[in-house]
Amino acid sequence: MPQPVLGILTLYLNDRKQLEERKIYERMTLEGHKIGLKVIVFTPSDVSADKNKIQAMMFDPIQGKWSRSWRPFPDMIFDRCRIQKSKRFEQLRIFRRRYGHLHFLNKPLRDKWTIYQVLSRRPEFKNYLPDTDYFNSLSDIYAMLKKNNCIYIKPIQGTGGRGILCIEKLGSQMYRIQGRNRQRKIVPPQKLHLSRMGPYLLNWKKGTRFLVQEGIDIRLPNGRVHDYRMLVQKNGSGVWSVTGCAGRIGPARSVTSNLHGGGSAAEMNTLLKTWIHSEQKVAEVRHEAERVSLGIASYLDGLYGPLCELALDLAIDRSGHIYVLEVNPKPAREVFARSGDKEAYRNAILKPLEYALWSYKQKAKKTDPLD
């Protein structure tokens, strides 16, 4: 059997062809070599439809250098492209339509609102979802505020905490609003009367689809918000498994915990113990969080698949109740490096490679009549 080739599909961050997650791809190349898998990296703009080839980027672990070479399409494609507003993302749309017949390890997932709707229809998941609605008009905001003292407004297709607002009741017709703008910069807290809040939110919403969600009290004693990032991936046998879970703690004055927004990371059990003081309860909560995450991954894989990894952002309140805030199909791995969980960090890189190799062999068996 020839050496299979895995193509990592990504997007340039800018027009200077700067790669996101470059260090991760270098590590994946090295780990792939160890298990007999060649790794190349490319973007939609590197594809020549006329030549039916890719001007791929390849990393040489021995020389520590990147180079380019024209290559045929890889045996498998690992799609790592995140949403961005650019011509590069439009090129991605075209690529996915034109080459959708190729062997993708993972397909794009639907937006947050759609995922919430499909999960809320399942009795086994509904109790783990915070109350959520589509932000169609101000009446949706006011209805959610009637039921909750704190709510969040989130872009339906946002990443990294961009565009998120937190609204808290302060008293009769007075509210505190804070969050992050679309460049991820912190929006300082400000008090607004109900009469001013409406125009503020409509201006914030302009041109973007949002959802409104009940706020879960996840502020630590020091006032900082925290949540948990659970990573589940298919392993070298094609089975969903838990890779790891780490806590994320937001910086001062932030309503989000994202690392790219200045947050820090901690080992899950260590952070849970500052919140829930029974070690037995901590173990039970972690087991339940893993079970729910695997169940959601398996369900979405059957509905929208194939998928090969998902990260679930979880809020856990003081009673130990788990809330699934978001499901992310293109997760970063750095939370495990930052939390000190070296095993989870290595597995986060290795598992997609082992799954790719397993997937390649399974496809070969189906196409080889003599096997």
Protein backbone atom coordinates (compact mmCIF):
# COMPACT_ATOMS: atom_id res chain seq x y z
CA MET A 1 0.00 0.00 0.00
CA PRO A 2 1.48 3.40 -0.98
CA GLN A 3 2.02 6.01 1.71
CA PRO A 4 -1.28 7.86 2.14
CA VAL A 5 -1.33 11.66 1.98
CA LEU A 6 -3.39 13.85 4.30
CA GLY A 7 -4.06 17.37 3.07
CA ILE A 8 -4.79 19.94 5.76
CA LEU A 9 -7.13 22.53 4.27
CA THR A 10 -6.75 25.94 5.87
CA LEU A 11 -7.03 29.66 5.09
CA TYR A 12 -4.39 32.35 5.02
CA LEU A 13 -4.84 34.97 7.72
CA ASN A 14 -4.02 37.78 5.30
CA ASP A 15 -2.90 38.52 1.75
CA ARG A 16 0.75 37.94 2.71
CA LYS A 17 -0.05 34.20 2.89
CA GLN A 18 0.48 33.98 6.64
CA LEU A 19 -0.66 30.63 8.04
CA GLU A 20 -2.69 30.21 11.20
CA GLU A 21 -1.66 27.30 13.46
CA ARG A 22 1.65 26.89 11.63
CA LYS A 23 3.34 25.28 14.65
CA ILE A 24 0.50 22.78 14.97
CA TYR A 25 0.93 21.76 11.32
CA GLU A 26 4.64 21.29 11.86
CA ARG A 27 3.91 18.99 14.79
CA MET A 28 1.27 17.10 12.77
CA THR A 29 3.78 16.58 9.96
CA LEU A 30 6.27 15.10 12.42
CA GLU A 31 3.71 12.85 14.12
CA GLY A 32 2.30 11.78 10.76
CA HIS A 33 5.74 10.70 9.57
CA LYS A 34 6.04 8.43 12.62
CA ILE A 35 2.88 6.49 11.72
CA GLY A 36 3.42 6.40 7.94
CA LEU A 37 1.21 9.33 6.93
CA LYS A 38 2.46 12.19 4.75
CA VAL A 39 1.01 15.58 5.67
CA ILE A 40 0.70 18.53 3.29
CA VAL A 41 -0.96 21.90 3.89
CA PHE A 42 -2.89 23.95 1.34
CA THR A 43 -5.55 26.63 0.93
CA PRO A 44 -8.19 27.01 -1.79
CA SER A 45 -6.04 29.69 -3.47
CA ASP A 46 -3.25 27.10 -3.88
CA VAL A 47 -5.43 24.90 -6.10
CA SER A 48 -5.11 24.99 -9.89
CA ALA A 49 -8.30 23.71 -11.53
CA ASP A 50 -6.53 23.72 -14.92
CA LYS A 51 -3.62 21.56 -13.75
CA ASN A 52 -5.85 19.59 -11.36
CA LYS A 53 -3.04 19.96 -8.84
CA ILE A 54 -2.20 21.81 -5.63
CA GLN A 55 0.82 24.00 -4.97
CA ALA A 56 1.09 22.51 -1.50
CA MET A 57 3.14 23.60 1.47
CA MET A 58 5.25 20.93 3.14
CA PHE A 59 7.34 21.01 6.29
CA ASP A 60 10.68 19.21 6.55
CA PRO A 61 11.16 18.28 10.24
CA ILE A 62 14.86 17.56 9.74
CA GLN A 63 15.75 20.91 8.17
CA GLY A 64 13.00 22.75 10.01
CA LYS A 65 11.92 24.48 6.80
CA TRP A 66 8.79 24.87 4.71
CA SER A 67 8.76 24.44 0.94
CA ARG A 68 6.25 24.36 -1.91
CA SER A 69 5.65 21.78 -4.58
CA TRP A 70 2.96 20.97 -7.15
CA ARG A 71 1.20 17.83 -6.00
CA PRO A 72 -1.91 15.80 -6.92
CA PHE A 73 -4.90 16.04 -4.64
CA PRO A 74 -4.36 14.24 -1.31
CA ASP A 75 -6.04 10.98 -0.38
CA MET A 76 -7.89 12.69 2.49
CA ILE A 77 -8.69 16.28 3.43
CA PHE A 78 -8.78 17.58 7.01
CA ASP A 79 -10.75 20.84 6.81
CA ARG A 80 -9.44 23.33 9.40
CA CYS A 81 -11.00 26.45 7.86
CA ARG A 82 -12.71 28.81 10.27
CA ILE A 83 -15.24 31.45 9.28
CA GLN A 84 -13.80 34.81 8.28
CA LYS A 85 -15.13 37.75 6.29
CA SER A 86 -12.78 37.81 3.31
CA LYS A 87 -12.38 36.83 -0.31
CA ARG A 88 -10.41 33.86 1.01
CA PHE A 89 -13.55 32.46 2.63
CA GLU A 90 -15.47 32.86 -0.63
CA GLN A 91 -12.73 30.84 -2.34
CA LEU A 92 -13.30 28.17 0.30
CA ARG A 93 -17.01 28.01 -0.50
CA ILE A 94 -16.19 27.45 -4.17
CA PHE A 95 -13.64 24.75 -3.31
CA ARG A 96 -16.08 22.87 -1.09
CA ARG A 97 -18.72 22.90 -3.83
CA ARG A 98 -16.33 21.90 -6.63
CA TYR A 99 -14.44 19.20 -4.74
CA GLY A 100 -17.10 17.92 -2.37
CA HIS A 101 -16.70 14.43 -3.85
CA LEU A 102 -13.20 14.09 -2.38
CA HIS A 103 -12.52 12.18 0.85
CA PHE A 104 -13.11 14.74 3.62
CA LEU A 105 -12.53 13.66 7.21
CA ASN A 106 -14.89 16.39 8.40
CA LYS A 107 -17.67 18.41 6.86
CA PRO A 108 -18.71 21.94 7.93
CA LEU A 109 -21.08 22.09 10.87
CA ARG A 110 -24.20 24.25 10.92
CA ASP A 111 -24.48 27.59 12.74
CA LYS A 112 -25.08 27.92 16.49
CA TRP A 113 -28.80 28.53 16.17
CA THR A 114 -29.35 25.45 13.99
CA ILE A 115 -27.25 23.27 16.31
CA TYR A 116 -29.24 24.50 19.31
CA GLN A 117 -32.51 23.67 17.56
CA VAL A 118 -31.54 20.13 16.57
CA LEU A 119 -30.10 19.33 20.00
CA SER A 120 -33.09 20.79 21.85
CA ARG A 121 -35.38 18.34 20.05
CA ARG A 122 -33.56 15.43 21.68
CA PRO A 123 -34.76 14.67 25.25
CA GLU A 124 -31.31 13.37 26.25
CA PHE A 125 -29.70 16.75 25.45
CA LYS A 126 -32.42 19.32 26.12
CA ASN A 127 -31.75 19.61 29.87
CA TYR A 128 -28.11 20.52 29.16
CA LEU A 129 -28.93 23.51 26.95
CA PRO A 130 -29.34 27.05 28.28
CA ASP A 131 -32.57 28.77 27.28
CA THR A 132 -31.85 30.22 23.82
CA ASP A 133 -33.80 32.13 21.18
CA TYR A 134 -33.22 33.83 17.87
CA PHE A 135 -32.67 37.60 18.14
CA ASN A 136 -35.17 38.74 15.56
CA SER A 137 -36.43 41.88 17.33
CA LEU A 138 -36.12 43.67 20.68
CA SER A 139 -39.11 41.72 21.96
CA ASP A 140 -36.89 38.60 21.97
CA ILE A 141 -34.42 40.40 24.25
CA TYR A 142 -37.10 41.68 26.61
CA ALA A 143 -38.74 38.25 26.80
CA MET A 144 -35.44 36.63 27.81
CA LEU A 145 -34.76 39.39 30.36
CA LYS A 146 -38.15 38.75 31.97
CA LYS A 147 -37.00 35.22 32.76
CA ASN A 148 -33.34 35.91 33.57
CA ASN A 149 -31.37 38.61 35.39
CA CYS A 150 -28.46 38.08 33.03
CA ILE A 151 -28.45 37.23 29.32
CA TYR A 152 -25.92 36.96 26.49
CA ILE A 153 -26.21 38.07 22.89
CA LYS A 154 -24.00 36.06 20.51
CA PRO A 155 -23.36 36.09 16.75
CA ILE A 156 -24.76 32.96 15.16
CA GLN A 157 -21.49 32.39 13.30
CA GLY A 158 -18.93 33.99 15.60
CA THR A 159 -15.67 32.61 16.98
CA GLY A 160 -13.21 33.62 19.67
CA GLY A 161 -15.71 35.65 21.71
CA ARG A 162 -16.18 38.27 18.99
CA GLY A 163 -19.38 40.31 19.08
CA ILE A 164 -20.67 38.92 22.40
CA LEU A 165 -22.61 41.15 24.79
CA CYS A 166 -23.67 40.47 28.35
CA ILE A 167 -26.74 42.31 29.70
CA GLU A 168 -27.50 42.39 33.43
CA LYS A 169 -30.52 43.82 35.23
CA LEU A 170 -29.58 46.53 37.75
CA GLY A 171 -33.01 47.64 38.82
CA SER A 172 -36.14 49.20 37.41
CA GLN A 173 -35.39 49.78 33.71
CA MET A 174 -31.62 50.03 34.25
CA TYR A 175 -29.14 47.58 32.75
CA ARG A 176 -25.41 47.00 32.60
CA ILE A 177 -23.98 46.09 29.17
CA GLN A 178 -20.45 44.85 28.50
CA GLY A 179 -18.76 42.47 26.10
CA ARG A 180 -16.34 42.25 23.19
CA ASN A 181 -16.61 43.94 19.81
CA ARG A 182 -16.06 42.20 16.49
CA GLN A 183 -12.32 42.84 16.72
CA ARG A 184 -12.40 41.00 20.09
CA LYS A 185 -11.60 44.15 22.08
CA ILE A 186 -13.26 44.48 25.48
CA VAL A 187 -16.30 46.76 25.59
CA PRO A 188 -16.19 48.29 29.11
CA PRO A 189 -19.30 48.07 31.32
CA GLN A 190 -21.84 50.85 30.86
CA LYS A 191 -25.20 51.50 32.45
CA LEU A 192 -28.11 52.12 30.11
CA HIS A 193 -31.73 52.98 30.69
CA LEU A 194 -34.24 50.76 28.89
CA SER A 195 -35.04 53.63 26.50
CA ARG A 196 -31.40 53.78 25.36
CA MET A 197 -30.71 50.06 25.42
CA GLY A 198 -33.03 49.27 22.51
CA PRO A 199 -31.28 51.52 19.96
CA TYR A 200 -27.89 50.35 21.26
CA LEU A 201 -28.73 46.68 20.66
CA LEU A 202 -30.26 47.27 17.24
CA ASN A 203 -27.12 49.11 16.18
CA TRP A 204 -24.99 46.27 17.57
CA LYS A 205 -27.05 43.71 15.67
CA LYS A 206 -26.90 45.57 12.34
CA GLY A 207 -25.80 43.33 9.47
CA THR A 208 -25.28 40.22 11.60
CA ARG A 209 -27.53 37.42 12.83
CA PHE A 210 -27.56 36.92 16.60
CA LEU A 211 -29.08 34.64 19.18
CA VAL A 212 -29.99 35.51 22.77
CA GLN A 213 -29.17 33.10 25.59
CA GLU A 214 -29.76 32.91 29.32
CA GLY A 215 -26.69 33.77 31.36
CA ILE A 216 -25.27 31.09 33.66
CA ASP A 217 -23.60 32.35 36.85
CA ILE A 218 -20.00 31.20 36.26
CA ARG A 219 -18.14 34.01 38.01
CA LEU A 220 -15.42 32.78 40.34
CA PRO A 221 -14.92 34.41 43.78
CA ASN A 222 -12.44 36.82 42.15
CA GLY A 223 -15.15 37.99 39.74
CA ARG A 224 -13.71 36.39 36.62
CA VAL A 225 -15.85 34.18 34.40
CA HIS A 226 -14.82 30.63 33.64
CA ASP A 227 -15.95 27.69 31.55
CA TYR A 228 -14.60 24.38 30.23
CA ARG A 229 -13.41 23.21 26.82
CA MET A 230 -14.15 19.51 26.23
CA LEU A 231 -12.41 18.01 23.19
CA VAL A 232 -13.77 14.78 21.71
CA GLN A 233 -12.20 13.14 18.67
CA LYS A 234 -12.44 9.95 16.65
CA ASN A 235 -9.55 7.64 17.42
CA GLY A 236 -7.52 5.19 15.34
CA SER A 237 -10.48 2.79 15.32
CA GLY A 238 -12.98 5.38 14.11
CA VAL A 239 -14.65 5.63 17.54
CA TRP A 240 -15.48 8.88 19.36
CA SER A 241 -13.35 9.29 22.48
CA VAL A 242 -12.57 12.00 25.02
CA THR A 243 -9.17 13.62 24.43
CA GLY A 244 -9.32 16.00 27.38
CA CYS A 245 -11.07 18.84 29.13
CA ALA A 246 -9.52 22.05 30.43
CA GLY A 247 -10.85 25.06 32.27
CA ARG A 248 -10.64 28.56 30.82
CA ILE A 249 -10.61 31.70 32.97
CA GLY A 250 -11.38 35.08 31.45
CA PRO A 251 -9.25 38.17 32.08
CA ALA A 252 -10.47 40.98 34.32
CA ARG A 253 -13.52 42.88 32.99
CA SER A 254 -14.17 40.24 30.33
CA VAL A 255 -17.49 38.43 29.87
CA THR A 256 -15.80 35.63 27.89
CA SER A 257 -13.04 33.18 28.74
CA ASN A 258 -11.46 32.67 25.30
CA LEU A 259 -7.68 32.31 25.34
CA HIS A 260 -7.28 34.54 22.28
CA GLY A 261 -9.10 37.22 24.23
CA GLY A 262 -6.55 37.14 27.04
CA GLY A 263 -7.91 34.22 29.05
CA SER A 264 -5.85 31.66 30.93
CA ALA A 265 -6.14 27.88 31.23
CA ALA A 266 -6.28 25.46 34.14
CA GLU A 267 -6.65 21.71 34.62
CA MET A 268 -10.35 20.82 34.76
CA ASN A 269 -10.42 19.05 38.13
CA THR A 270 -8.32 21.75 39.79
CA LEU A 271 -10.70 24.47 38.64
CA LEU A 272 -13.81 22.45 39.46
CA LYS A 273 -12.58 21.97 43.04
CA THR A 274 -12.55 25.74 43.58
CA TRP A 275 -16.20 25.68 42.60
CA ILE A 276 -17.47 22.31 43.88
CA HIS A 277 -15.81 21.20 47.12
CA SER A 278 -16.71 17.50 47.08
CA GLU A 279 -14.15 15.34 45.25
CA GLN A 280 -16.80 12.70 44.60
CA LYS A 281 -19.11 15.32 43.09
CA VAL A 282 -16.26 16.62 40.90
CA ALA A 283 -15.66 13.09 39.58
CA GLU A 284 -19.38 12.62 38.91
CA VAL A 285 -19.67 15.96 37.10
CA ARG A 286 -16.66 15.21 34.92
CA HIS A 287 -17.99 11.76 34.01
CA GLU A 288 -21.38 13.25 33.12
CA ALA A 289 -19.76 16.01 31.03
CA GLU A 290 -17.77 13.42 29.09
CA ARG A 291 -20.82 11.23 28.52
CA VAL A 292 -22.94 14.11 27.25
CA SER A 293 -20.17 15.42 25.00
CA LEU A 294 -19.63 12.01 23.40
CA GLY A 295 -23.39 11.62 22.91
CA ILE A 296 -23.68 14.99 21.18
CA ALA A 297 -20.67 14.27 18.96
CA SER A 298 -22.09 10.92 17.87
CA TYR A 299 -25.50 12.43 17.18
CA LEU A 300 -24.18 15.36 15.12
CA ASP A 301 -21.82 13.04 13.27
CA GLY A 302 -24.78 10.96 12.15
CA LEU A 303 -26.78 14.06 11.23
CA TYR A 304 -24.17 16.22 9.46
CA GLY A 305 -21.11 13.97 9.15
CA PRO A 306 -18.58 12.93 8.56
CA LEU A 307 -16.96 14.72 11.50
CA CYS A 308 -13.70 13.81 13.21
CA GLU A 309 -13.48 16.19 16.18
CA LEU A 310 -15.62 18.62 18.15
CA ALA A 311 -14.96 20.93 21.07
CA LEU A 312 -17.84 21.64 23.41
CA ASP A 313 -17.82 24.76 25.57
CA LEU A 314 -19.41 23.89 28.89
CA ALA A 315 -20.62 25.99 31.80
CA ILE A 316 -20.96 24.22 35.15
CA ASP A 317 -22.83 25.98 37.93
CA ARG A 318 -22.24 25.62 41.68
CA SER A 319 -24.72 22.75 41.94
CA GLY A 320 -22.79 20.82 39.28
CA HIS A 321 -25.37 21.27 36.54
CA ILE A 322 -23.76 21.18 33.09
CA TYR A 323 -24.74 23.54 30.26
CA VAL A 324 -23.54 23.12 26.68
CA LEU A 325 -22.90 26.69 25.53
CA GLU A 326 -21.47 26.00 22.07
CA VAL A 327 -20.25 23.22 19.79
CA ASN A 328 -17.09 24.06 17.83
CA PRO A 329 -16.10 21.98 14.77
CA LYS A 330 -12.63 23.57 14.28
CA PRO A 331 -11.13 23.59 17.77
CA ALA A 332 -7.70 24.90 18.73
CA ARG A 333 -5.45 22.71 20.88
CA GLU A 334 -3.49 25.28 22.87
CA VAL A 335 -5.80 25.17 25.90
CA PHE A 336 -4.21 21.83 26.85
CA ALA A 337 -0.67 23.12 26.44
CA ARG A 338 -1.54 26.16 28.54
CA SER A 339 -3.21 24.06 31.25
CA GLY A 340 -0.18 21.78 31.50
CA ASP A 341 -1.94 18.65 30.19
CA LYS A 342 0.82 17.43 27.86
CA GLU A 343 -0.83 14.07 27.18
CA ALA A 344 -4.10 15.67 26.05
CA TYR A 345 -2.17 18.16 23.91
CA ARG A 346 -0.24 15.41 22.12
CA ASN A 347 -3.37 13.30 21.64
CA ALA A 348 -5.24 16.32 20.28
CA ILE A 349 -2.66 16.46 17.50
CA LEU A 350 -2.21 12.71 17.03
CA LYS A 351 -5.79 11.42 17.03
CA PRO A 352 -6.90 13.07 13.75
CA LEU A 353 -3.82 11.54 12.08
CA GLU A 354 -4.58 8.07 13.45
CA TYR A 355 -8.21 8.46 12.41
CA ALA A 356 -7.12 9.58 8.92
CA LEU A 357 -4.96 6.48 8.54
CA TRP A 358 -7.79 4.24 9.75
CA SER A 359 -10.24 5.97 7.38
CA TYR A 360 -7.85 5.52 4.45
CA LYS A 361 -7.48 1.79 5.15
CA GLN A 362 -11.25 1.37 5.49
CA LYS A 363 -11.81 3.02 2.13
CA ALA A 364 -9.09 0.88 0.56
CA LYS A 365 -10.81 -2.28 1.81
CA LYS A 366 -14.08 -1.22 0.18
CA THR A 367 -12.45 -0.50 -3.18
CA ASP A 368 -10.13 -3.52 -3.30
CA PRO A 369 -12.16 -6.58 -4.43
CA LEU A 370 -9.30 -8.91 -3.49
CA ASP A 371 -9.07 -7.67 0.11
